[in-house]
PDB file of N, CA and C in Angstrom:
ATOM      1  N   UNK A   1       4.352  41.428   3.707  1.00  0.00           N
ATOM      2  CA  UNK A   1       5.469  40.823   2.136  1.00  0.00           C
ATOM      3  C   UNK A   1       3.174  40.198   1.411  1.00  0.00           C
ATOM      4  N   UNK A   2       3.648  41.408   0.457  1.00  0.00           N
ATOM      5  CA  UNK A   2       2.850  40.315  -0.192  1.00  0.00           C
ATOM      6  C   UNK A   2       1.962  39.450  -1.163  1.00  0.00           C
ATOM      7  N   UNK A   3       1.166  38.220  -1.284  1.00  0.00           N
ATOM      8  CA  UNK A   3       0.653  37.643  -1.441  1.00  0.00           C
ATOM      9  C   UNK A   3       0.572  36.543  -2.547  1.00  0.00           C
ATOM     10  N   UNK A   4       0.382  35.903  -3.324  1.00  0.00           N
ATOM     11  CA  UNK A   4       0.178  35.781  -4.529  1.00  0.00           C
ATOM     12  C   UNK A   4      -0.943  34.850  -4.686  1.00  0.00           C
ATOM     13  N   UNK A   5      -1.499  34.906  -5.900  1.00  0.00           N
ATOM     14  CA  UNK A   5      -2.789  33.768  -6.114  1.00  0.00           C
ATOM     15  C   UNK A   5      -1.923  32.686  -6.766  1.00  0.00           C
ATOM     16  N   UNK A   6      -1.374  33.331  -7.453  1.00  0.00           N
ATOM     17  CA  UNK A   6      -0.597  32.476  -8.770  1.00  0.00           C
ATOM     18  C   UNK A   6       0.552  31.995  -8.261  1.00  0.00           C
ATOM     19  N   UNK A   7       0.186  30.502  -8.516  1.00  0.00           N
ATOM     20  CA  UNK A   7       1.411  29.762  -8.448  1.00  0.00           C
ATOM     21  C   UNK A   7       1.832  28.466  -9.296  1.00  0.00           C
ATOM     22  N   UNK A   8       2.964  27.724  -9.626  1.00  0.00           N
ATOM     23  CA  UNK A   8       2.476  26.340 -10.176  1.00  0.00           C
ATOM     24  C   UNK A   8       3.092  25.475  -9.886  1.00  0.00           C
ATOM     25  N   UNK A   9       2.893  23.760  -9.498  1.00  0.00           N
ATOM     26  CA  UNK A   9       3.086  22.938  -9.747  1.00  0.00           C
ATOM     27  C   UNK A   9       3.614  22.333 -10.739  1.00  0.00           C
ATOM     28  N   UNK A  10       4.807  21.625 -10.456  1.00  0.00           N
ATOM     29  CA  UNK A  10       5.489  21.062 -11.972  1.00  0.00           C
ATOM     30  C   UNK A  10       5.216  19.590 -11.275  1.00  0.00           C
ATOM     31  N   UNK A  11       3.801  19.315 -11.763  1.00  0.00           N
ATOM     32  CA  UNK A  11       3.292  17.907 -11.789  1.00  0.00           C
ATOM     33  C   UNK A  11       4.195  17.153 -12.800  1.00  0.00           C
ATOM     34  N   UNK A  12       4.670  16.814 -13.591  1.00  0.00           N
ATOM     35  CA  UNK A  12       4.620  16.176 -14.032  1.00  0.00           C
ATOM     36  C   UNK A  12       6.287  15.597 -13.494  1.00  0.00           C
ATOM     37  N   UNK A  13       6.867  16.932 -12.868  1.00  0.00           N
ATOM     38  CA  UNK A  13       7.943  16.210 -12.564  1.00  0.00           C
ATOM     39  C   UNK A  13       7.953  15.787 -11.188  1.00  0.00           C
ATOM     40  N   UNK A  14       6.680  15.933 -10.628  1.00  0.00           N
ATOM     41  CA  UNK A  14       6.953  15.456  -9.273  1.00  0.00           C
ATOM     42  C   UNK A  14       5.914  13.947  -9.284  1.00  0.00           C
ATOM     43  N   UNK A  15       5.339  13.956 -10.529  1.00  0.00           N
ATOM     44  CA  UNK A  15       5.104  11.939 -11.069  1.00  0.00           C
ATOM     45  C   UNK A  15       6.202  11.437 -11.082  1.00  0.00           C
ATOM     46  N   UNK A  16       7.275  12.215 -11.948  1.00  0.00           N
ATOM     47  CA  UNK A  16       8.626  11.227 -12.296  1.00  0.00           C
ATOM     48  C   UNK A  16       9.397  10.861 -10.731  1.00  0.00           C
ATOM     49  N   UNK A  17       9.144  12.325 -10.032  1.00  0.00           N
ATOM     50  CA  UNK A  17      10.098  11.694  -8.988  1.00  0.00           C
ATOM     51  C   UNK A  17       9.824  10.454  -8.202  1.00  0.00           C
ATOM     52  N   UNK A  18       8.615  10.409  -8.051  1.00  0.00           N
ATOM     53  CA  UNK A  18       8.103   9.310  -7.308  1.00  0.00           C
ATOM     54  C   UNK A  18       8.693   7.768  -7.744  1.00  0.00           C
ATOM     55  N   UNK A  19       9.299   7.650  -9.386  1.00  0.00           N
ATOM     56  CA  UNK A  19       9.726   7.094 -10.019  1.00  0.00           C
ATOM     57  C   UNK A  19      11.352   6.593  -9.825  1.00  0.00           C
ATOM     58  N   UNK A  20      11.713   7.787 -10.355  1.00  0.00           N
ATOM     59  CA  UNK A  20      13.642   8.266  -9.555  1.00  0.00           C
ATOM     60  C   UNK A  20      13.964   7.952  -8.014  1.00  0.00           C
ATOM     61  N   UNK A  21      12.434   8.184  -6.876  1.00  0.00           N
ATOM     62  CA  UNK A  21      12.940   7.398  -6.102  1.00  0.00           C
ATOM     63  C   UNK A  21      12.706   5.869  -5.252  1.00  0.00           C
ATOM     64  N   UNK A  22      12.015   5.704  -6.304  1.00  0.00           N
ATOM     65  CA  UNK A  22      11.761   4.017  -6.269  1.00  0.00           C
ATOM     66  C   UNK A  22      12.487   3.689  -6.697  1.00  0.00           C
ATOM     67  N   UNK A  23      13.628   4.205  -7.516  1.00  0.00           N
ATOM     68  CA  UNK A  23      14.874   3.571  -8.142  1.00  0.00           C
ATOM     69  C   UNK A  23      16.026   3.208  -7.442  1.00  0.00           C
ATOM     70  N   UNK A  24      16.119   4.969  -6.332  1.00  0.00           N
ATOM     71  CA  UNK A  24      17.044   4.294  -5.410  1.00  0.00           C
ATOM     72  C   UNK A  24      16.864   3.725  -4.628  1.00  0.00           C
ATOM     73  N   UNK A  25      15.894   3.696  -4.573  1.00  0.00           N
ATOM     74  CA  UNK A  25      15.594   3.180  -3.337  1.00  0.00           C
ATOM     75  C   UNK A  25      15.801   1.417  -3.545  1.00  0.00           C
ATOM     76  N   UNK A  26      15.824   0.979  -4.818  1.00  0.00           N
ATOM     77  CA  UNK A  26      15.969  -0.531  -5.213  1.00  0.00           C
ATOM     78  C   UNK A  26      17.184  -0.607  -5.275  1.00  0.00           C
ATOM     79  N   UNK A  27      18.021   0.931  -6.058  1.00  0.00           N
ATOM     80  CA  UNK A  27      19.821   0.476  -6.002  1.00  0.00           C
ATOM     81  C   UNK A  27      20.368  -0.062  -4.347  1.00  0.00           C
ATOM     82  N   UNK A  28      19.996   1.015  -4.219  1.00  0.00           N
ATOM     83  CA  UNK A  28      20.323   1.129  -2.254  1.00  0.00           C
ATOM     84  C   UNK A  28      19.505  -0.078  -1.797  1.00  0.00           C
ATOM     85  N   UNK A  29      18.872  -0.712  -1.672  1.00  0.00           N
ATOM     86  CA  UNK A  29      18.846  -2.175  -1.114  1.00  0.00           C
ATOM     87  C   UNK A  29      19.495  -3.181  -1.972  1.00  0.00           C
ATOM     88  N   UNK A  30      20.252  -3.390  -3.058  1.00  0.00           N
ATOM     89  CA  UNK A  30      20.682  -4.087  -3.668  1.00  0.00           C
ATOM     90  C   UNK A  30      21.939  -4.365  -3.483  1.00  0.00           C
ATOM     91  N   UNK A  31      22.658  -2.782  -2.980  1.00  0.00           N
ATOM     92  CA  UNK A  31      23.878  -3.155  -2.179  1.00  0.00           C
ATOM     93  C   UNK A  31      24.022  -4.181  -1.043  1.00  0.00           C
ATOM     94  N   UNK A  32      23.179  -4.717  -0.239  1.00  0.00           N
ATOM     95  CA  UNK A  32      23.646  -5.538   0.781  1.00  0.00           C
ATOM     96  C   UNK A  32      23.868  -6.660   0.751  1.00  0.00           C
ATOM     97  N   UNK A  33      23.065  -7.069  -0.422  1.00  0.00           N
ATOM     98  CA  UNK A  33      23.542  -8.122  -0.800  1.00  0.00           C
ATOM     99  C   UNK A  33      24.753  -8.736  -1.298  1.00  0.00           C
ATOM    100  N   UNK A  34      25.357  -7.744  -1.750  1.00  0.00           N
ATOM    101  CA  UNK A  34      26.660  -7.371  -2.381  1.00  0.00           C
ATOM    102  C   UNK A  34      27.663  -7.555  -1.223  1.00  0.00           C
ATOM    103  N   UNK A  35      27.048  -7.252   0.350  1.00  0.00           N
ATOM    104  CA  UNK A  35      28.369  -7.446   1.267  1.00  0.00           C
ATOM    105  C   UNK A  35      28.175  -8.921   1.693  1.00  0.00           C
ATOM    106  N   UNK A  36      29.916  -9.524   1.618  1.00  0.00           N
ATOM    107  CA  UNK A  36      30.390 -10.316   1.675  1.00  0.00           C
ATOM    108  C   UNK A  36      30.791 -10.065   3.180  1.00  0.00           C
ATOM    109  N   UNK A  37      30.983 -11.365   4.180  1.00  0.00           N
ATOM    110  CA  UNK A  37      31.206 -11.516   5.421  1.00  0.00           C
ATOM    111  C   UNK A  37      32.303 -11.645   5.580  1.00  0.00           C
ATOM    112  N   UNK A  38      33.198 -11.634   6.383  1.00  0.00           N
ATOM    113  CA  UNK A  38      34.298 -12.119   6.718  1.00  0.00           C
ATOM    114  C   UNK A  38      34.783 -12.680   7.512  1.00  0.00           C
ATOM    115  N   UNK A  39      34.361 -13.996   7.356  1.00  0.00           N
ATOM    116  CA  UNK A  39      33.849 -15.160   8.575  1.00  0.00           C
ATOM    117  C   UNK A  39      35.188 -15.763   7.831  1.00  0.00           C
ATOM    118  N   UNK A  40      36.315 -16.300   8.809  1.00  0.00           N
ATOM    119  CA  UNK A  40      37.956 -17.072   8.455  1.00  0.00           C
ATOM    120  C   UNK A  40      38.426 -16.293   6.862  1.00  0.00           C
ATOM    121  N   UNK A  41      38.106 -14.683   7.442  1.00  0.00           N
ATOM    122  CA  UNK A  41      39.198 -13.981   6.144  1.00  0.00           C
ATOM    123  C   UNK A  41      40.571 -13.941   6.045  1.00  0.00           C
ATOM    124  N   UNK A  42      41.114 -14.282   7.808  1.00  0.00           N
ATOM    125  CA  UNK A  42      42.317 -14.525   8.118  1.00  0.00           C
ATOM    126  C   UNK A  42      42.620 -15.442   8.801  1.00  0.00           C
ATOM    127  N   UNK A  43      43.830 -16.235   9.238  1.00  0.00           N
ATOM    128  CA  UNK A  43      44.138 -16.552   9.914  1.00  0.00           C
ATOM    129  C   UNK A  43      44.236 -15.981  11.347  1.00  0.00           C
ATOM    130  N   UNK A  44      45.118 -14.714  11.461  1.00  0.00           N
ATOM    131  CA  UNK A  44      45.952 -14.046  12.527  1.00  0.00           C
ATOM    132  C   UNK A  44      44.516 -13.092  13.523  1.00  0.00           C
ATOM    133  N   UNK A  45      44.043 -12.471  12.574  1.00  0.00           N
ATOM    134  CA  UNK A  45      43.053 -10.965  13.059  1.00  0.00           C
ATOM    135  C   UNK A  45      41.897 -11.533  12.657  1.00  0.00           C
ATOM    136  N   UNK A  46      41.481 -12.398  12.493  1.00  0.00           N
ATOM    137  CA  UNK A  46      39.697 -12.531  11.427  1.00  0.00           C
ATOM    138  C   UNK A  46      39.098 -11.859  13.031  1.00  0.00           C
ATOM    139  N   UNK A  47      38.605 -12.643  14.042  1.00  0.00           N
ATOM    140  CA  UNK A  47      38.150 -12.403  14.849  1.00  0.00           C
ATOM    141  C   UNK A  47      37.862 -10.810  14.915  1.00  0.00           C
ATOM    142  N   UNK A  48      38.845  -9.880  15.195  1.00  0.00           N
ATOM    143  CA  UNK A  48      38.333  -8.930  15.280  1.00  0.00           C
ATOM    144  C   UNK A  48      38.666  -7.846  13.943  1.00  0.00           C
ATOM    145  N   UNK A  49      38.445  -8.228  12.552  1.00  0.00           N
ATOM    146  CA  UNK A  49      38.114  -8.146  11.676  1.00  0.00           C
ATOM    147  C   UNK A  49      36.514  -7.978  11.472  1.00  0.00           C
ATOM    148  N   UNK A  50      36.020  -9.516  11.605  1.00  0.00           N
ATOM    149  CA  UNK A  50      34.703  -9.879  11.591  1.00  0.00           C
ATOM    150  C   UNK A  50      34.536  -8.673  12.540  1.00  0.00           C
ATOM    151  N   UNK A  51      34.476  -8.579  13.742  1.00  0.00           N
ATOM    152  CA  UNK A  51      33.486  -8.231  14.445  1.00  0.00           C
ATOM    153  C   UNK A  51      33.130  -6.387  13.976  1.00  0.00           C
ATOM    154  N   UNK A  52      35.103  -5.505  13.788  1.00  0.00           N
ATOM    155  CA  UNK A  52      34.438  -4.579  13.096  1.00  0.00           C
ATOM    156  C   UNK A  52      33.896  -4.118  12.099  1.00  0.00           C
ATOM    157  N   UNK A  53      33.659  -5.446  11.413  1.00  0.00           N
ATOM    158  CA  UNK A  53      32.887  -4.983   9.836  1.00  0.00           C
ATOM    159  C   UNK A  53      31.570  -5.274  10.368  1.00  0.00           C
ATOM    160  N   UNK A  54      31.037  -6.108  11.457  1.00  0.00           N
ATOM    161  CA  UNK A  54      30.089  -6.575  11.888  1.00  0.00           C
ATOM    162  C   UNK A  54      29.010  -5.304  12.317  1.00  0.00           C
ATOM    163  N   UNK A  55      30.106  -4.715  13.496  1.00  0.00           N
ATOM    164  CA  UNK A  55      29.756  -3.163  14.223  1.00  0.00           C
ATOM    165  C   UNK A  55      29.592  -2.060  12.592  1.00  0.00           C
ATOM    166  N   UNK A  56      30.351  -1.968  11.939  1.00  0.00           N
ATOM    167  CA  UNK A  56      30.180  -0.916  10.825  1.00  0.00           C
ATOM    168  C   UNK A  56      28.193  -1.629  10.741  1.00  0.00           C
ATOM    169  N   UNK A  57      28.556  -2.811   9.815  1.00  0.00           N
ATOM    170  CA  UNK A  57      27.142  -3.400   9.020  1.00  0.00           C
ATOM    171  C   UNK A  57      25.649  -2.931   9.739  1.00  0.00           C
ATOM    172  N   UNK A  58      26.116  -3.147  10.595  1.00  0.00           N
ATOM    173  CA  UNK A  58      24.559  -3.066  11.742  1.00  0.00           C
ATOM    174  C   UNK A  58      24.349  -1.522  12.134  1.00  0.00           C
ATOM    175  N   UNK A  59      25.175  -0.385  11.685  1.00  0.00           N
ATOM    176  CA  UNK A  59      25.315   0.897  12.055  1.00  0.00           C
ATOM    177  C   UNK A  59      24.768   1.512  10.408  1.00  0.00           C
ATOM    178  N   UNK A  60      25.294   0.620   9.602  1.00  0.00           N
ATOM    179  CA  UNK A  60      25.028   1.260   7.821  1.00  0.00           C
ATOM    180  C   UNK A  60      23.829   0.446   7.669  1.00  0.00           C
ATOM    181  N   UNK A  61      23.613  -0.829   8.351  1.00  0.00           N
ATOM    182  CA  UNK A  61      21.601  -1.110   7.645  1.00  0.00           C
ATOM    183  C   UNK A  61      21.055  -0.343   8.395  1.00  0.00           C
ATOM    184  N   UNK A  62      20.887   0.478   9.623  1.00  0.00           N
ATOM    185  CA  UNK A  62      20.234   1.018   9.862  1.00  0.00           C
ATOM    186  C   UNK A  62      20.147   2.663   9.493  1.00  0.00           C
ATOM    187  N   UNK A  63      21.119   3.186   9.365  1.00  0.00           N
ATOM    188  CA  UNK A  63      21.607   4.035   8.380  1.00  0.00           C
ATOM    189  C   UNK A  63      20.572   4.014   6.926  1.00  0.00           C
ATOM    190  N   UNK A  64      20.350   2.372   6.087  1.00  0.00           N
ATOM    191  CA  UNK A  64      20.516   3.243   4.975  1.00  0.00           C
ATOM    192  C   UNK A  64      18.439   2.465   5.146  1.00  0.00           C
ATOM    193  N   UNK A  65      18.540   2.152   6.321  1.00  0.00           N
ATOM    194  CA  UNK A  65      16.986   1.787   6.105  1.00  0.00           C
ATOM    195  C   UNK A  65      16.282   2.886   6.387  1.00  0.00           C
ATOM    196  N   UNK A  66      16.593   3.756   7.164  1.00  0.00           N
ATOM    197  CA  UNK A  66      16.584   5.208   7.540  1.00  0.00           C
ATOM    198  C   UNK A  66      16.541   5.832   6.119  1.00  0.00           C
ATOM    199  N   UNK A  67      17.652   6.308   5.595  1.00  0.00           N
ATOM    200  CA  UNK A  67      17.305   6.627   3.726  1.00  0.00           C
ATOM    201  C   UNK A  67      16.107   5.377   3.009  1.00  0.00           C
ATOM    202  N   UNK A  68      16.047   4.823   2.985  1.00  0.00           N
ATOM    203  CA  UNK A  68      14.945   4.140   2.293  1.00  0.00           C
ATOM    204  C   UNK A  68      13.932   4.741   2.890  1.00  0.00           C
ATOM    205  N   UNK A  69      13.461   4.497   4.014  1.00  0.00           N
ATOM    206  CA  UNK A  69      12.266   4.991   4.501  1.00  0.00           C
ATOM    207  C   UNK A  69      12.092   6.026   4.117  1.00  0.00           C
ATOM    208  N   UNK A  70      12.373   6.702   3.999  1.00  0.00           N
ATOM    209  CA  UNK A  70      12.404   8.606   3.895  1.00  0.00           C
ATOM    210  C   UNK A  70      12.348   9.002   1.789  1.00  0.00           C
ATOM    211  N   UNK A  71      13.758   8.174   1.282  1.00  0.00           N
ATOM    212  CA  UNK A  71      13.374   7.908  -0.016  1.00  0.00           C
ATOM    213  C   UNK A  71      11.877   7.548  -0.255  1.00  0.00           C
ATOM    214  N   UNK A  72      11.602   6.104   0.392  1.00  0.00           N
ATOM    215  CA  UNK A  72       9.965   5.862  -0.245  1.00  0.00           C
ATOM    216  C   UNK A  72       9.094   7.030  -0.133  1.00  0.00           C
ATOM    217  N   UNK A  73       8.905   7.181   1.667  1.00  0.00           N
ATOM    218  CA  UNK A  73       8.080   8.416   1.622  1.00  0.00           C
ATOM    219  C   UNK A  73       8.307  10.009   1.090  1.00  0.00           C
ATOM    220  N   UNK A  74       9.094  10.426   0.356  1.00  0.00           N
ATOM    221  CA  UNK A  74       9.141  11.724  -0.728  1.00  0.00           C
ATOM    222  C   UNK A  74       8.832  10.806  -1.765  1.00  0.00           C
ATOM    223  N   UNK A  75       9.016   9.780  -1.856  1.00  0.00           N
ATOM    224  CA  UNK A  75       8.526   9.506  -3.572  1.00  0.00           C
ATOM    225  C   UNK A  75       7.212   9.363  -3.337  1.00  0.00           C
ATOM    226  N   UNK A  76       6.583   8.816  -2.367  1.00  0.00           N
ATOM    227  CA  UNK A  76       5.114   8.483  -2.254  1.00  0.00           C
ATOM    228  C   UNK A  76       4.532  10.198  -2.166  1.00  0.00           C
ATOM    229  N   UNK A  77       4.740  10.659  -1.207  1.00  0.00           N
ATOM    230  CA  UNK A  77       4.688  12.174  -1.118  1.00  0.00           C
ATOM    231  C   UNK A  77       4.431  13.187  -2.653  1.00  0.00           C
ATOM    232  N   UNK A  78       5.393  12.932  -3.507  1.00  0.00           N
ATOM    233  CA  UNK A  78       5.283  13.619  -4.658  1.00  0.00           C
ATOM    234  C   UNK A  78       4.247  13.008  -5.557  1.00  0.00           C
ATOM    235  N   UNK A  79       3.894  12.032  -5.970  1.00  0.00           N
ATOM    236  CA  UNK A  79       2.459  11.656  -6.417  1.00  0.00           C
ATOM    237  C   UNK A  79       1.416  12.095  -5.482  1.00  0.00           C
ATOM    238  N   UNK A  80       1.568  11.691  -4.323  1.00  0.00           N
ATOM    239  CA  UNK A  80      -0.003  12.355  -3.748  1.00  0.00           C
ATOM    240  C   UNK A  80       0.149  13.946  -4.243  1.00  0.00           C
ATOM    241  N   UNK A  81       1.284  14.829  -4.187  1.00  0.00           N
ATOM    242  CA  UNK A  81       0.999  15.566  -4.243  1.00  0.00           C
ATOM    243  C   UNK A  81       0.770  16.487  -6.122  1.00  0.00           C
ATOM    244  N   UNK A  82       1.051  15.212  -6.843  1.00  0.00           N
ATOM    245  CA  UNK A  82       0.911  15.179  -8.000  1.00  0.00           C
ATOM    246  C   UNK A  82      -0.410  15.244  -8.753  1.00  0.00           C
ATOM    247  N   UNK A  83      -1.168  14.611  -7.825  1.00  0.00           N
ATOM    248  CA  UNK A  83      -2.309  13.790  -7.923  1.00  0.00           C
ATOM    249  C   UNK A  83      -4.045  14.947  -7.989  1.00  0.00           C
ATOM    250  N   UNK A  84      -3.013  15.503  -5.936  1.00  0.00           N
ATOM    251  CA  UNK A  84      -3.520  16.534  -5.643  1.00  0.00           C
ATOM    252  C   UNK A  84      -3.602  17.702  -6.905  1.00  0.00           C
ATOM    253  N   UNK A  85      -2.593  18.147  -7.208  1.00  0.00           N
ATOM    254  CA  UNK A  85      -2.524  18.917  -7.856  1.00  0.00           C
ATOM    255  C   UNK A  85      -3.652  19.044  -9.269  1.00  0.00           C
ATOM    256  N   UNK A  86      -3.209  17.741 -10.053  1.00  0.00           N
ATOM    257  CA  UNK A  86      -4.046  17.789 -10.994  1.00  0.00           C
ATOM    258  C   UNK A  86      -5.325  18.114 -10.669  1.00  0.00           C
ATOM    259  N   UNK A  87      -6.033  17.014  -9.725  1.00  0.00           N
ATOM    260  CA  UNK A  87      -7.484  17.087  -9.449  1.00  0.00           C
ATOM    261  C   UNK A  87      -8.113  18.897  -8.800  1.00  0.00           C
ATOM    262  N   UNK A  88      -6.910  19.174  -8.146  1.00  0.00           N
ATOM    263  CA  UNK A  88      -7.285  20.620  -8.178  1.00  0.00           C
ATOM    264  C   UNK A  88      -7.860  21.311  -9.324  1.00  0.00           C
ATOM    265  N   UNK A  89      -6.450  21.472  -9.989  1.00  0.00           N
ATOM    266  CA  UNK A  89      -6.694  22.457 -11.165  1.00  0.00           C
ATOM    267  C   UNK A  89      -7.786  21.513 -12.466  1.00  0.00           C
ATOM    268  N   UNK A  90      -8.241  20.627 -11.894  1.00  0.00           N
ATOM    269  CA  UNK A  90      -9.441  20.131 -13.093  1.00  0.00           C
ATOM    270  C   UNK A  90     -11.166  20.778 -12.149  1.00  0.00           C
ATOM    271  N   UNK A  91     -10.965  20.801 -10.943  1.00  0.00           N
ATOM    272  CA  UNK A  91     -12.034  21.057 -10.194  1.00  0.00           C
ATOM    273  C   UNK A  91     -12.269  22.482 -10.742  1.00  0.00           C
ATOM    274  N   UNK A  92     -10.998  23.380 -10.467  1.00  0.00           N
ATOM    275  CA  UNK A  92     -11.134  24.883 -10.906  1.00  0.00           C
ATOM    276  C   UNK A  92     -11.378  25.065 -12.108  1.00  0.00           C
ATOM    277  N   UNK A  93     -10.579  24.050 -13.367  1.00  0.00           N
ATOM    278  CA  UNK A  93     -11.513  24.534 -14.799  1.00  0.00           C
ATOM    279  C   UNK A  93     -13.061  24.046 -14.433  1.00  0.00           C
ATOM    280  N   UNK A  94     -13.476  23.321 -14.234  1.00  0.00           N
ATOM    281  CA  UNK A  94     -14.719  23.122 -14.706  1.00  0.00           C
ATOM    282  C   UNK A  94     -15.457  24.564 -14.085  1.00  0.00           C
ATOM    283  N   UNK A  95     -15.225  24.360 -12.382  1.00  0.00           N
ATOM    284  CA  UNK A  95     -15.875  26.074 -12.036  1.00  0.00           C
ATOM    285  C   UNK A  95     -15.892  26.821 -12.977  1.00  0.00           C
ATOM    286  N   UNK A  96     -14.546  27.210 -13.974  1.00  0.00           N
ATOM    287  CA  UNK A  96     -14.504  28.365 -14.570  1.00  0.00           C
ATOM    288  C   UNK A  96     -15.271  28.072 -15.560  1.00  0.00           C
ATOM    289  N   UNK A  97     -15.660  27.102 -16.351  1.00  0.00           N
ATOM    290  CA  UNK A  97     -16.193  26.925 -17.471  1.00  0.00           C
ATOM    291  C   UNK A  97     -17.483  26.910 -16.794  1.00  0.00           C
ATOM    292  N   UNK A  98     -17.966  26.728 -15.868  1.00  0.00           N
ATOM    293  CA  UNK A  98     -19.483  26.414 -15.472  1.00  0.00           C
ATOM    294  C   UNK A  98     -19.455  28.260 -15.483  1.00  0.00           C
ATOM    295  N   UNK A  99     -18.659  28.799 -14.935  1.00  0.00           N
ATOM    296  CA  UNK A  99     -19.080  30.417 -14.710  1.00  0.00           C
ATOM    297  C   UNK A  99     -19.145  31.043 -16.509  1.00  0.00           C
ATOM    298  N   UNK A 100     -18.396  30.948 -17.323  1.00  0.00           N
ATOM    299  CA  UNK A 100     -18.496  31.553 -18.360  1.00  0.00           C
ATOM    300  C   UNK A 100     -19.458  31.285 -18.207  1.00  0.00           C
ATOM    301  N   UNK A 101     -19.652  29.818 -19.027  1.00  0.00           N
ATOM    302  CA  UNK A 101     -21.565  29.244 -19.531  1.00  0.00           C
ATOM    303  C   UNK A 101     -22.636  30.290 -19.144  1.00  0.00           C
ATOM    304  N   UNK A 102     -22.507  30.609 -17.711  1.00  0.00           N
ATOM    305  CA  UNK A 102     -23.310  31.246 -17.015  1.00  0.00           C
ATOM    306  C   UNK A 102     -23.575  32.813 -17.767  1.00  0.00           C
ATOM    307  N   UNK A 103     -22.235  33.020 -17.464  1.00  0.00           N
ATOM    308  CA  UNK A 103     -22.592  34.947 -18.105  1.00  0.00           C
ATOM    309  C   UNK A 103     -22.209  35.135 -19.623  1.00  0.00           C
ATOM    310  N   UNK A 104     -21.926  33.914 -20.626  1.00  0.00           N
ATOM    311  CA  UNK A 104     -21.889  33.660 -21.890  1.00  0.00           C
ATOM    312  C   UNK A 104     -22.811  32.859 -21.894  1.00  0.00           C
ATOM    313  N   UNK A 105     -24.329  32.538 -22.097  1.00  0.00           N
ATOM    314  CA  UNK A 105     -24.709  31.771 -22.382  1.00  0.00           C
ATOM    315  C   UNK A 105     -24.704  31.348 -23.939  1.00  0.00           C
ATOM    316  N   UNK A 106     -24.180  31.811 -24.949  1.00  0.00           N
ATOM    317  CA  UNK A 106     -23.843  31.644 -26.499  1.00  0.00           C
ATOM    318  C   UNK A 106     -22.709  30.516 -26.300  1.00  0.00           C
ATOM    319  N   UNK A 107     -21.561  30.764 -25.546  1.00  0.00           N
ATOM    320  CA  UNK A 107     -20.690  29.879 -24.878  1.00  0.00           C
ATOM    321  C   UNK A 107     -20.939  28.290 -25.213  1.00  0.00           C
ATOM    322  N   UNK A 108     -22.324  27.833 -25.096  1.00  0.00           N
ATOM    323  CA  UNK A 108     -22.596  26.852 -24.378  1.00  0.00           C
ATOM    324  C   UNK A 108     -22.385  26.006 -25.712  1.00  0.00           C
ATOM    325  N   UNK A 109     -21.926  24.640 -25.338  1.00  0.00           N
ATOM    326  CA  UNK A 109     -21.853  23.296 -26.308  1.00  0.00           C
ATOM    327  C   UNK A 109     -21.063  23.040 -26.886  1.00  0.00           C
TER     328      UNK A 109
END
């Protein structure tokens, strides 16, 4: 399969993805604060309810931690890629300008 030297990276989208991932991390993190304990929720089966909810919350919190970690990493990676692409574009632009100036000295200045 033939390759191509032409490729485009949506730098602005990658940069905005970092903020989007950060916003998601903040919203998902805030949910846990609203989870209420069920201690003394009822007089009859309160103990079983509390145990069931605690077991669920343990699994849920671990799952959320993994999700939050991955969301944060994705945001950071998108920002790193955007920065690298911008830097690469600037390097290529500089090299092309130097080459153009050496080919056409009258283009200098």
